[in-house]
């Protein structure tokens, strides 16, 4: 059985961006299950508060460094996908290509 490696973040070098990411994570953690929190939810949290969000790559790096439980990468499960509210698209009619037109010679 493998042991978890120690957190890679150096707490004496935490930047304002790191602190903001952790603030957003733990704010969401109070309201939601940790496995439903991902970088998209953190970006939305920043946008709702009118704050400038750090890059998504930095968010993922910080959460991995502190080994915070979070939603895995990729798309959310089908059960949590948003419900389709618009009617399905109608099939596109097939348009037959026009036969090539004969080439006209330039006037002399």
PDB file of N, CA and C in Angstrom:
ATOM      1  N   UNK A   1       0.842  -1.176   0.000  1.00  0.00           N
ATOM      2  CA  UNK A   1       0.000   0.000   0.000  1.00  0.00           C
ATOM      3  C   UNK A   1       0.889   1.242   0.000  1.00  0.00           C
ATOM      4  N   UNK A   2       0.593   2.174  -0.883  1.00  0.00           N
ATOM      5  CA  UNK A   2       1.443   3.361  -0.987  1.00  0.00           C
ATOM      6  C   UNK A   2       1.006   4.425   0.010  1.00  0.00           C
ATOM      7  N   UNK A   3       1.984   5.146   0.483  1.00  0.00           N
ATOM      8  CA  UNK A   3       1.702   6.247   1.404  1.00  0.00           C
ATOM      9  C   UNK A   3       1.583   7.525   0.616  1.00  0.00           C
ATOM     10  N   UNK A   4       0.771   8.433   1.088  1.00  0.00           N
ATOM     11  CA  UNK A   4       0.637   9.729   0.426  1.00  0.00           C
ATOM     12  C   UNK A   4       1.903  10.534   0.665  1.00  0.00           C
ATOM     13  N   UNK A   5       2.356  11.192  -0.364  1.00  0.00           N
ATOM     14  CA  UNK A   5       3.535  12.023  -0.230  1.00  0.00           C
ATOM     15  C   UNK A   5       3.144  13.321   0.494  1.00  0.00           C
ATOM     16  N   UNK A   6       4.075  13.956   1.175  1.00  0.00           N
ATOM     17  CA  UNK A   6       3.752  15.201   1.868  1.00  0.00           C
ATOM     18  C   UNK A   6       3.398  16.306   0.876  1.00  0.00           C
ATOM     19  N   UNK A   7       2.641  17.261   1.353  1.00  0.00           N
ATOM     20  CA  UNK A   7       2.226  18.374   0.498  1.00  0.00           C
ATOM     21  C   UNK A   7       3.458  19.090  -0.060  1.00  0.00           C
ATOM     22  N   UNK A   8       3.376  19.461  -1.340  1.00  0.00           N
ATOM     23  CA  UNK A   8       4.530  20.056  -2.008  1.00  0.00           C
ATOM     24  C   UNK A   8       4.571  21.576  -1.880  1.00  0.00           C
ATOM     25  N   UNK A   9       3.517  22.182  -1.376  1.00  0.00           N
ATOM     26  CA  UNK A   9       3.490  23.643  -1.280  1.00  0.00           C
ATOM     27  C   UNK A   9       4.335  24.079  -0.087  1.00  0.00           C
ATOM     28  N   UNK A  10       5.081  25.136  -0.283  1.00  0.00           N
ATOM     29  CA  UNK A  10       5.883  25.680   0.815  1.00  0.00           C
ATOM     30  C   UNK A  10       5.081  26.805   1.448  1.00  0.00           C
ATOM     31  N   UNK A  11       4.664  26.616   2.665  1.00  0.00           N
ATOM     32  CA  UNK A  11       3.757  27.549   3.326  1.00  0.00           C
ATOM     33  C   UNK A  11       4.405  28.896   3.599  1.00  0.00           C
ATOM     34  N   UNK A  12       5.716  28.965   3.607  1.00  0.00           N
ATOM     35  CA  UNK A  12       6.359  30.258   3.808  1.00  0.00           C
ATOM     36  C   UNK A  12       6.479  31.039   2.501  1.00  0.00           C
ATOM     37  N   UNK A  13       6.062  30.434   1.373  1.00  0.00           N
ATOM     38  CA  UNK A  13       6.098  31.111   0.073  1.00  0.00           C
ATOM     39  C   UNK A  13       4.720  31.173  -0.576  1.00  0.00           C
ATOM     40  N   UNK A  14       3.672  31.222   0.225  1.00  0.00           N
ATOM     41  CA  UNK A  14       2.304  31.294  -0.320  1.00  0.00           C
ATOM     42  C   UNK A  14       2.073  32.706  -0.853  1.00  0.00           C
ATOM     43  N   UNK A  15       1.644  32.779  -2.105  1.00  0.00           N
ATOM     44  CA  UNK A  15       1.377  34.079  -2.726  1.00  0.00           C
ATOM     45  C   UNK A  15      -0.085  34.469  -2.516  1.00  0.00           C
ATOM     46  N   UNK A  16      -0.420  35.684  -2.943  1.00  0.00           N
ATOM     47  CA  UNK A  16      -1.815  36.134  -2.851  1.00  0.00           C
ATOM     48  C   UNK A  16      -2.727  35.248  -3.686  1.00  0.00           C
ATOM     49  N   UNK A  17      -2.247  34.813  -4.852  1.00  0.00           N
ATOM     50  CA  UNK A  17      -3.055  33.922  -5.694  1.00  0.00           C
ATOM     51  C   UNK A  17      -3.307  32.585  -5.016  1.00  0.00           C
ATOM     52  N   UNK A  18      -2.271  32.018  -4.378  1.00  0.00           N
ATOM     53  CA  UNK A  18      -2.452  30.760  -3.656  1.00  0.00           C
ATOM     54  C   UNK A  18      -3.489  30.926  -2.554  1.00  0.00           C
ATOM     55  N   UNK A  19      -3.382  32.009  -1.816  1.00  0.00           N
ATOM     56  CA  UNK A  19      -4.318  32.252  -0.719  1.00  0.00           C
ATOM     57  C   UNK A  19      -5.744  32.428  -1.240  1.00  0.00           C
ATOM     58  N   UNK A  20      -5.908  33.129  -2.361  1.00  0.00           N
ATOM     59  CA  UNK A  20      -7.240  33.328  -2.931  1.00  0.00           C
ATOM     60  C   UNK A  20      -7.831  32.005  -3.405  1.00  0.00           C
ATOM     61  N   UNK A  21      -7.009  31.145  -3.991  1.00  0.00           N
ATOM     62  CA  UNK A  21      -7.495  29.837  -4.444  1.00  0.00           C
ATOM     63  C   UNK A  21      -7.944  29.000  -3.257  1.00  0.00           C
ATOM     64  N   UNK A  22      -7.143  28.980  -2.216  1.00  0.00           N
ATOM     65  CA  UNK A  22      -7.515  28.204  -1.033  1.00  0.00           C
ATOM     66  C   UNK A  22      -8.751  28.782  -0.348  1.00  0.00           C
ATOM     67  N   UNK A  23      -8.876  30.110  -0.341  1.00  0.00           N
ATOM     68  CA  UNK A  23     -10.073  30.748   0.212  1.00  0.00           C
ATOM     69  C   UNK A  23     -11.315  30.307  -0.561  1.00  0.00           C
ATOM     70  N   UNK A  24     -11.228  30.321  -1.886  1.00  0.00           N
ATOM     71  CA  UNK A  24     -12.362  29.917  -2.716  1.00  0.00           C
ATOM     72  C   UNK A  24     -12.684  28.441  -2.499  1.00  0.00           C
ATOM     73  N   UNK A  25     -11.663  27.610  -2.438  1.00  0.00           N
ATOM     74  CA  UNK A  25     -11.881  26.176  -2.255  1.00  0.00           C
ATOM     75  C   UNK A  25     -12.596  25.899  -0.936  1.00  0.00           C
ATOM     76  N   UNK A  26     -12.085  26.474   0.152  1.00  0.00           N
ATOM     77  CA  UNK A  26     -12.675  26.174   1.450  1.00  0.00           C
ATOM     78  C   UNK A  26     -14.038  26.846   1.641  1.00  0.00           C
ATOM     79  N   UNK A  27     -14.277  27.928   0.925  1.00  0.00           N
ATOM     80  CA  UNK A  27     -15.607  28.529   0.935  1.00  0.00           C
ATOM     81  C   UNK A  27     -16.616  27.577   0.284  1.00  0.00           C
ATOM     82  N   UNK A  28     -16.245  27.010  -0.849  1.00  0.00           N
ATOM     83  CA  UNK A  28     -17.118  26.040  -1.513  1.00  0.00           C
ATOM     84  C   UNK A  28     -17.206  24.740  -0.725  1.00  0.00           C
ATOM     85  N   UNK A  29     -16.119  24.367  -0.063  1.00  0.00           N
ATOM     86  CA  UNK A  29     -16.069  23.126   0.706  1.00  0.00           C
ATOM     87  C   UNK A  29     -17.085  23.133   1.852  1.00  0.00           C
ATOM     88  N   UNK A  30     -17.387  24.315   2.380  1.00  0.00           N
ATOM     89  CA  UNK A  30     -18.374  24.416   3.456  1.00  0.00           C
ATOM     90  C   UNK A  30     -19.788  24.117   2.968  1.00  0.00           C
ATOM     91  N   UNK A  31     -20.034  24.354   1.682  1.00  0.00           N
ATOM     92  CA  UNK A  31     -21.381  24.199   1.132  1.00  0.00           C
ATOM     93  C   UNK A  31     -21.566  22.916   0.331  1.00  0.00           C
ATOM     94  N   UNK A  32     -20.490  22.346  -0.195  1.00  0.00           N
ATOM     95  CA  UNK A  32     -20.598  21.235  -1.135  1.00  0.00           C
ATOM     96  C   UNK A  32     -19.687  20.089  -0.756  1.00  0.00           C
ATOM     97  N   UNK A  33     -19.936  18.949  -1.376  1.00  0.00           N
ATOM     98  CA  UNK A  33     -19.067  17.797  -1.223  1.00  0.00           C
ATOM     99  C   UNK A  33     -17.761  18.081  -1.969  1.00  0.00           C
ATOM    100  N   UNK A  34     -16.649  17.663  -1.417  1.00  0.00           N
ATOM    101  CA  UNK A  34     -15.341  17.970  -2.010  1.00  0.00           C
ATOM    102  C   UNK A  34     -15.185  17.386  -3.412  1.00  0.00           C
ATOM    103  N   UNK A  35     -15.822  16.262  -3.691  1.00  0.00           N
ATOM    104  CA  UNK A  35     -15.678  15.644  -5.005  1.00  0.00           C
ATOM    105  C   UNK A  35     -16.488  16.354  -6.080  1.00  0.00           C
ATOM    106  N   UNK A  36     -17.240  17.382  -5.715  1.00  0.00           N
ATOM    107  CA  UNK A  36     -17.969  18.176  -6.707  1.00  0.00           C
ATOM    108  C   UNK A  36     -17.286  19.505  -6.978  1.00  0.00           C
ATOM    109  N   UNK A  37     -16.142  19.750  -6.359  1.00  0.00           N
ATOM    110  CA  UNK A  37     -15.422  21.004  -6.536  1.00  0.00           C
ATOM    111  C   UNK A  37     -14.260  20.777  -7.496  1.00  0.00           C
ATOM    112  N   UNK A  38     -14.239  21.547  -8.569  1.00  0.00           N
ATOM    113  CA  UNK A  38     -13.156  21.487  -9.543  1.00  0.00           C
ATOM    114  C   UNK A  38     -12.719  22.895  -9.901  1.00  0.00           C
ATOM    115  N   UNK A  39     -11.817  23.005 -10.835  1.00  0.00           N
ATOM    116  CA  UNK A  39     -11.313  24.323 -11.204  1.00  0.00           C
ATOM    117  C   UNK A  39     -12.419  25.199 -11.808  1.00  0.00           C
ATOM    118  N   UNK A  40     -13.361  24.590 -12.519  1.00  0.00           N
ATOM    119  CA  UNK A  40     -14.471  25.365 -13.088  1.00  0.00           C
ATOM    120  C   UNK A  40     -15.334  26.007 -12.022  1.00  0.00           C
ATOM    121  N   UNK A  41     -15.584  25.278 -10.941  1.00  0.00           N
ATOM    122  CA  UNK A  41     -16.370  25.827  -9.840  1.00  0.00           C
ATOM    123  C   UNK A  41     -15.616  26.963  -9.149  1.00  0.00           C
ATOM    124  N   UNK A  42     -14.314  26.828  -9.032  1.00  0.00           N
ATOM    125  CA  UNK A  42     -13.530  27.896  -8.409  1.00  0.00           C
ATOM    126  C   UNK A  42     -13.508  29.142  -9.291  1.00  0.00           C
ATOM    127  N   UNK A  43     -13.381  28.955 -10.609  1.00  0.00           N
ATOM    128  CA  UNK A  43     -13.426  30.103 -11.520  1.00  0.00           C
ATOM    129  C   UNK A  43     -14.780  30.800 -11.435  1.00  0.00           C
ATOM    130  N   UNK A  44     -15.854  30.023 -11.342  1.00  0.00           N
ATOM    131  CA  UNK A  44     -17.196  30.598 -11.202  1.00  0.00           C
ATOM    132  C   UNK A  44     -17.324  31.364  -9.875  1.00  0.00           C
ATOM    133  N   UNK A  45     -16.707  30.841  -8.807  1.00  0.00           N
ATOM    134  CA  UNK A  45     -16.746  31.496  -7.505  1.00  0.00           C
ATOM    135  C   UNK A  45     -16.106  32.882  -7.591  1.00  0.00           C
ATOM    136  N   UNK A  46     -14.970  32.967  -8.268  1.00  0.00           N
ATOM    137  CA  UNK A  46     -14.300  34.260  -8.437  1.00  0.00           C
ATOM    138  C   UNK A  46     -15.168  35.209  -9.253  1.00  0.00           C
ATOM    139  N   UNK A  47     -15.776  34.711 -10.327  1.00  0.00           N
ATOM    140  CA  UNK A  47     -16.599  35.564 -11.195  1.00  0.00           C
ATOM    141  C   UNK A  47     -17.826  36.090 -10.459  1.00  0.00           C
ATOM    142  N   UNK A  48     -18.449  35.269  -9.631  1.00  0.00           N
ATOM    143  CA  UNK A  48     -19.632  35.694  -8.875  1.00  0.00           C
ATOM    144  C   UNK A  48     -19.308  36.816  -7.907  1.00  0.00           C
ATOM    145  N   UNK A  49     -18.087  36.862  -7.444  1.00  0.00           N
ATOM    146  CA  UNK A  49     -17.690  37.899  -6.486  1.00  0.00           C
ATOM    147  C   UNK A  49     -16.991  39.074  -7.158  1.00  0.00           C
ATOM    148  N   UNK A  50     -16.902  39.037  -8.482  1.00  0.00           N
ATOM    149  CA  UNK A  50     -16.290  40.142  -9.215  1.00  0.00           C
ATOM    150  C   UNK A  50     -14.793  40.249  -9.001  1.00  0.00           C
ATOM    151  N   UNK A  51     -14.151  39.142  -8.679  1.00  0.00           N
ATOM    152  CA  UNK A  51     -12.713  39.140  -8.446  1.00  0.00           C
ATOM    153  C   UNK A  51     -11.999  38.548  -9.649  1.00  0.00           C
ATOM    154  N   UNK A  52     -10.776  38.972  -9.864  1.00  0.00           N
ATOM    155  CA  UNK A  52      -9.972  38.429 -10.943  1.00  0.00           C
ATOM    156  C   UNK A  52      -9.465  37.054 -10.532  1.00  0.00           C
ATOM    157  N   UNK A  53      -9.771  36.069 -11.355  1.00  0.00           N
ATOM    158  CA  UNK A  53      -9.390  34.695 -11.030  1.00  0.00           C
ATOM    159  C   UNK A  53      -7.981  34.399 -11.526  1.00  0.00           C
ATOM    160  N   UNK A  54      -7.224  33.600 -10.775  1.00  0.00           N
ATOM    161  CA  UNK A  54      -5.941  33.134 -11.285  1.00  0.00           C
ATOM    162  C   UNK A  54      -6.187  32.160 -12.442  1.00  0.00           C
ATOM    163  N   UNK A  55      -5.148  31.771 -13.113  1.00  0.00           N
ATOM    164  CA  UNK A  55      -5.311  30.857 -14.242  1.00  0.00           C
ATOM    165  C   UNK A  55      -5.797  29.495 -13.755  1.00  0.00           C
ATOM    166  N   UNK A  56      -6.480  28.796 -14.656  1.00  0.00           N
ATOM    167  CA  UNK A  56      -6.994  27.474 -14.314  1.00  0.00           C
ATOM    168  C   UNK A  56      -5.851  26.509 -14.015  1.00  0.00           C
ATOM    169  N   UNK A  57      -4.740  26.659 -14.714  1.00  0.00           N
ATOM    170  CA  UNK A  57      -3.584  25.798 -14.475  1.00  0.00           C
ATOM    171  C   UNK A  57      -3.032  26.008 -13.062  1.00  0.00           C
ATOM    172  N   UNK A  58      -2.978  27.258 -12.615  1.00  0.00           N
ATOM    173  CA  UNK A  58      -2.491  27.533 -11.260  1.00  0.00           C
ATOM    174  C   UNK A  58      -3.449  26.951 -10.226  1.00  0.00           C
ATOM    175  N   UNK A  59      -4.751  27.057 -10.479  1.00  0.00           N
ATOM    176  CA  UNK A  59      -5.733  26.490  -9.549  1.00  0.00           C
ATOM    177  C   UNK A  59      -5.512  24.989  -9.406  1.00  0.00           C
ATOM    178  N   UNK A  60      -5.370  24.300 -10.528  1.00  0.00           N
ATOM    179  CA  UNK A  60      -5.153  22.852 -10.483  1.00  0.00           C
ATOM    180  C   UNK A  60      -3.847  22.502  -9.777  1.00  0.00           C
ATOM    181  N   UNK A  61      -2.803  23.284 -10.039  1.00  0.00           N
ATOM    182  CA  UNK A  61      -1.516  23.024  -9.416  1.00  0.00           C
ATOM    183  C   UNK A  61      -1.579  23.192  -7.908  1.00  0.00           C
ATOM    184  N   UNK A  62      -2.220  24.278  -7.457  1.00  0.00           N
ATOM    185  CA  UNK A  62      -2.306  24.533  -6.012  1.00  0.00           C
ATOM    186  C   UNK A  62      -3.119  23.441  -5.325  1.00  0.00           C
ATOM    187  N   UNK A  63      -4.258  23.060  -5.897  1.00  0.00           N
ATOM    188  CA  UNK A  63      -5.083  22.017  -5.275  1.00  0.00           C
ATOM    189  C   UNK A  63      -4.348  20.681  -5.241  1.00  0.00           C
ATOM    190  N   UNK A  64      -3.563  20.395  -6.279  1.00  0.00           N
ATOM    191  CA  UNK A  64      -2.773  19.154  -6.273  1.00  0.00           C
ATOM    192  C   UNK A  64      -1.650  19.234  -5.248  1.00  0.00           C
ATOM    193  N   UNK A  65      -1.027  20.400  -5.113  1.00  0.00           N
ATOM    194  CA  UNK A  65       0.075  20.560  -4.162  1.00  0.00           C
ATOM    195  C   UNK A  65      -0.374  20.376  -2.720  1.00  0.00           C
ATOM    196  N   UNK A  66      -1.551  20.875  -2.384  1.00  0.00           N
ATOM    197  CA  UNK A  66      -2.032  20.730  -1.004  1.00  0.00           C
ATOM    198  C   UNK A  66      -2.814  19.438  -0.814  1.00  0.00           C
ATOM    199  N   UNK A  67      -2.936  18.654  -1.897  1.00  0.00           N
ATOM    200  CA  UNK A  67      -3.631  17.372  -1.888  1.00  0.00           C
ATOM    201  C   UNK A  67      -5.068  17.508  -1.395  1.00  0.00           C
ATOM    202  N   UNK A  68      -5.723  18.545  -1.865  1.00  0.00           N
ATOM    203  CA  UNK A  68      -7.121  18.771  -1.501  1.00  0.00           C
ATOM    204  C   UNK A  68      -7.994  17.782  -2.254  1.00  0.00           C
ATOM    205  N   UNK A  69      -8.955  17.149  -1.580  1.00  0.00           N
ATOM    206  CA  UNK A  69      -9.875  16.283  -2.323  1.00  0.00           C
ATOM    207  C   UNK A  69     -10.695  17.145  -3.274  1.00  0.00           C
ATOM    208  N   UNK A  70     -10.825  16.699  -4.510  1.00  0.00           N
ATOM    209  CA  UNK A  70     -11.521  17.504  -5.502  1.00  0.00           C
ATOM    210  C   UNK A  70     -12.088  16.602  -6.581  1.00  0.00           C
ATOM    211  N   UNK A  71     -12.893  17.211  -7.437  1.00  0.00           N
ATOM    212  CA  UNK A  71     -13.468  16.487  -8.560  1.00  0.00           C
ATOM    213  C   UNK A  71     -12.345  16.139  -9.517  1.00  0.00           C
ATOM    214  N   UNK A  72     -12.400  14.964 -10.075  1.00  0.00           N
ATOM    215  CA  UNK A  72     -11.379  14.524 -11.015  1.00  0.00           C
ATOM    216  C   UNK A  72     -11.448  15.303 -12.309  1.00  0.00           C
ATOM    217  N   UNK A  73     -10.448  15.148 -13.145  1.00  0.00           N
ATOM    218  CA  UNK A  73     -10.415  15.834 -14.418  1.00  0.00           C
ATOM    219  C   UNK A  73     -11.446  15.272 -15.383  1.00  0.00           C
ATOM    220  N   UNK A  74     -11.627  15.946 -16.477  1.00  0.00           N
ATOM    221  CA  UNK A  74     -12.568  15.490 -17.483  1.00  0.00           C
ATOM    222  C   UNK A  74     -13.952  16.068 -17.287  1.00  0.00           C
ATOM    223  N   UNK A  75     -14.885  15.513 -18.012  1.00  0.00           N
ATOM    224  CA  UNK A  75     -16.253  16.011 -17.970  1.00  0.00           C
ATOM    225  C   UNK A  75     -16.984  15.441 -16.761  1.00  0.00           C
ATOM    226  N   UNK A  76     -17.967  16.185 -16.223  1.00  0.00           N
ATOM    227  CA  UNK A  76     -18.765  15.646 -15.124  1.00  0.00           C
ATOM    228  C   UNK A  76     -19.538  14.408 -15.569  1.00  0.00           C
ATOM    229  N   UNK A  77     -19.966  13.628 -14.618  1.00  0.00           N
ATOM    230  CA  UNK A  77     -20.717  12.415 -14.915  1.00  0.00           C
ATOM    231  C   UNK A  77     -22.015  12.747 -15.637  1.00  0.00           C
ATOM    232  N   UNK A  78     -22.533  11.786 -16.390  1.00  0.00           N
ATOM    233  CA  UNK A  78     -23.760  11.999 -17.159  1.00  0.00           C
ATOM    234  C   UNK A  78     -24.934  12.344 -16.250  1.00  0.00           C
ATOM    235  N   UNK A  79     -24.962  11.774 -15.063  1.00  0.00           N
ATOM    236  CA  UNK A  79     -26.070  12.028 -14.141  1.00  0.00           C
ATOM    237  C   UNK A  79     -26.120  13.485 -13.698  1.00  0.00           C
ATOM    238  N   UNK A  80     -24.999  14.182 -13.719  1.00  0.00           N
ATOM    239  CA  UNK A  80     -24.977  15.568 -13.266  1.00  0.00           C
ATOM    240  C   UNK A  80     -24.951  16.555 -14.425  1.00  0.00           C
ATOM    241  N   UNK A  81     -25.110  16.043 -15.637  1.00  0.00           N
ATOM    242  CA  UNK A  81     -25.099  16.922 -16.806  1.00  0.00           C
ATOM    243  C   UNK A  81     -26.352  17.796 -16.809  1.00  0.00           C
ATOM    244  N   UNK A  82     -26.265  19.027 -17.334  1.00  0.00           N
ATOM    245  CA  UNK A  82     -27.447  19.882 -17.368  1.00  0.00           C
ATOM    246  C   UNK A  82     -28.518  19.298 -18.278  1.00  0.00           C
ATOM    247  N   UNK A  83     -29.765  19.595 -17.947  1.00  0.00           N
ATOM    248  CA  UNK A  83     -30.897  19.076 -18.711  1.00  0.00           C
ATOM    249  C   UNK A  83     -31.066  19.904 -19.980  1.00  0.00           C
ATOM    250  N   UNK A  84     -31.290  19.237 -21.095  1.00  0.00           N
ATOM    251  CA  UNK A  84     -31.495  19.910 -22.387  1.00  0.00           C
ATOM    252  C   UNK A  84     -32.883  20.548 -22.375  1.00  0.00           C
ATOM    253  N   UNK A  85     -32.958  21.865 -22.588  1.00  0.00           N
ATOM    254  CA  UNK A  85     -34.246  22.553 -22.526  1.00  0.00           C
ATOM    255  C   UNK A  85     -34.756  22.999 -23.886  1.00  0.00           C
ATOM    256  N   UNK A  86     -33.918  23.005 -24.893  1.00  0.00           N
ATOM    257  CA  UNK A  86     -34.366  23.450 -26.212  1.00  0.00           C
ATOM    258  C   UNK A  86     -34.785  22.229 -27.026  1.00  0.00           C
ATOM    259  N   UNK A  87     -35.647  22.430 -28.027  1.00  0.00           N
ATOM    260  CA  UNK A  87     -36.063  21.288 -28.844  1.00  0.00           C
ATOM    261  C   UNK A  87     -34.889  20.780 -29.677  1.00  0.00           C
ATOM    262  N   UNK A  88     -34.933  19.514 -30.045  1.00  0.00           N
ATOM    263  CA  UNK A  88     -33.821  18.986 -30.850  1.00  0.00           C
ATOM    264  C   UNK A  88     -33.782  19.652 -32.217  1.00  0.00           C
ATOM    265  N   UNK A  89     -32.598  19.704 -32.781  1.00  0.00           N
ATOM    266  CA  UNK A  89     -32.431  20.319 -34.094  1.00  0.00           C
ATOM    267  C   UNK A  89     -33.060  19.445 -35.175  1.00  0.00           C
ATOM    268  N   UNK A  90     -33.634  20.086 -36.173  1.00  0.00           N
ATOM    269  CA  UNK A  90     -34.201  19.350 -37.297  1.00  0.00           C
ATOM    270  C   UNK A  90     -33.073  18.894 -38.200  1.00  0.00           C
ATOM    271  N   UNK A  91     -33.262  17.780 -38.911  1.00  0.00           N
ATOM    272  CA  UNK A  91     -32.188  17.332 -39.794  1.00  0.00           C
ATOM    273  C   UNK A  91     -31.963  18.335 -40.923  1.00  0.00           C
ATOM    274  N   UNK A  92     -30.739  18.443 -41.321  1.00  0.00           N
ATOM    275  CA  UNK A  92     -30.369  19.372 -42.386  1.00  0.00           C
ATOM    276  C   UNK A  92     -30.732  18.726 -43.726  1.00  0.00           C
ATOM    277  N   UNK A  93     -31.440  19.464 -44.598  1.00  0.00           N
ATOM    278  CA  UNK A  93     -31.780  18.856 -45.891  1.00  0.00           C
ATOM    279  C   UNK A  93     -30.525  18.627 -46.728  1.00  0.00           C
ATOM    280  N   UNK A  94     -30.533  17.570 -47.479  1.00  0.00           N
ATOM    281  CA  UNK A  94     -29.381  17.235 -48.317  1.00  0.00           C
ATOM    282  C   UNK A  94     -29.458  18.066 -49.590  1.00  0.00           C
ATOM    283  N   UNK A  95     -28.410  18.753 -49.877  1.00  0.00           N
ATOM    284  CA  UNK A  95     -28.336  19.577 -51.082  1.00  0.00           C
ATOM    285  C   UNK A  95     -27.427  18.869 -52.063  1.00  0.00           C
ATOM    286  N   UNK A  96     -27.966  18.618 -53.254  1.00  0.00           N
ATOM    287  CA  UNK A  96     -27.149  17.939 -54.263  1.00  0.00           C
ATOM    288  C   UNK A  96     -26.186  18.934 -54.889  1.00  0.00           C
ATOM    289  N   UNK A  97     -24.962  18.536 -55.079  1.00  0.00           N
ATOM    290  CA  UNK A  97     -24.007  19.462 -55.687  1.00  0.00           C
ATOM    291  C   UNK A  97     -24.370  19.720 -57.146  1.00  0.00           C
ATOM    292  N   UNK A  98     -24.138  20.914 -57.580  1.00  0.00           N
ATOM    293  CA  UNK A  98     -24.389  21.295 -58.967  1.00  0.00           C
ATOM    294  C   UNK A  98     -23.304  20.711 -59.852  1.00  0.00           C
ATOM    295  N   UNK A  99     -23.665  20.259 -61.066  1.00  0.00           N
ATOM    296  CA  UNK A  99     -22.620  19.749 -61.960  1.00  0.00           C
ATOM    297  C   UNK A  99     -21.694  20.893 -62.365  1.00  0.00           C
ATOM    298  N   UNK A 100     -20.445  20.604 -62.624  1.00  0.00           N
ATOM    299  CA  UNK A 100     -19.521  21.678 -62.987  1.00  0.00           C
ATOM    300  C   UNK A 100     -19.955  22.346 -64.297  1.00  0.00           C
ATOM    301  N   UNK A 101     -19.826  23.645 -64.335  1.00  0.00           N
ATOM    302  CA  UNK A 101     -20.191  24.401 -65.527  1.00  0.00           C
ATOM    303  C   UNK A 101     -19.024  24.384 -66.501  1.00  0.00           C
ATOM    304  N   UNK A 102     -19.339  24.368 -67.789  1.00  0.00           N
ATOM    305  CA  UNK A 102     -18.225  24.360 -68.749  1.00  0.00           C
ATOM    306  C   UNK A 102     -17.427  25.656 -68.648  1.00  0.00           C
ATOM    307  N   UNK A 103     -16.171  25.537 -68.854  1.00  0.00           N
ATOM    308  CA  UNK A 103     -15.298  26.687 -68.755  1.00  0.00           C
ATOM    309  C   UNK A 103     -15.419  27.551 -69.999  1.00  0.00           C
ATOM    310  N   UNK A 104     -15.562  28.809 -69.786  1.00  0.00           N
ATOM    311  CA  UNK A 104     -15.675  29.743 -70.920  1.00  0.00           C
ATOM    312  C   UNK A 104     -14.302  30.293 -71.232  1.00  0.00           C
ATOM    313  N   UNK A 105     -14.040  30.373 -72.514  1.00  0.00           N
ATOM    314  CA  UNK A 105     -12.754  30.932 -72.915  1.00  0.00           C
ATOM    315  C   UNK A 105     -12.837  32.454 -72.842  1.00  0.00           C
ATOM    316  N   UNK A 106     -11.736  33.109 -72.531  1.00  0.00           N
ATOM    317  CA  UNK A 106     -11.762  34.578 -72.436  1.00  0.00           C
ATOM    318  C   UNK A 106     -11.993  35.203 -73.824  1.00  0.00           C
ATOM    319  N   UNK A 107     -12.607  36.388 -73.850  1.00  0.00           N
ATOM    320  CA  UNK A 107     -12.833  37.046 -75.138  1.00  0.00           C
ATOM    321  C   UNK A 107     -11.507  37.408 -75.801  1.00  0.00           C
ATOM    322  N   UNK A 108     -11.523  37.390 -77.136  1.00  0.00           N
ATOM    323  CA  UNK A 108     -10.289  37.707 -77.893  1.00  0.00           C
ATOM    324  C   UNK A 108     -10.317  39.087 -78.417  1.00  0.00           C
TER     325      UNK A 108
END
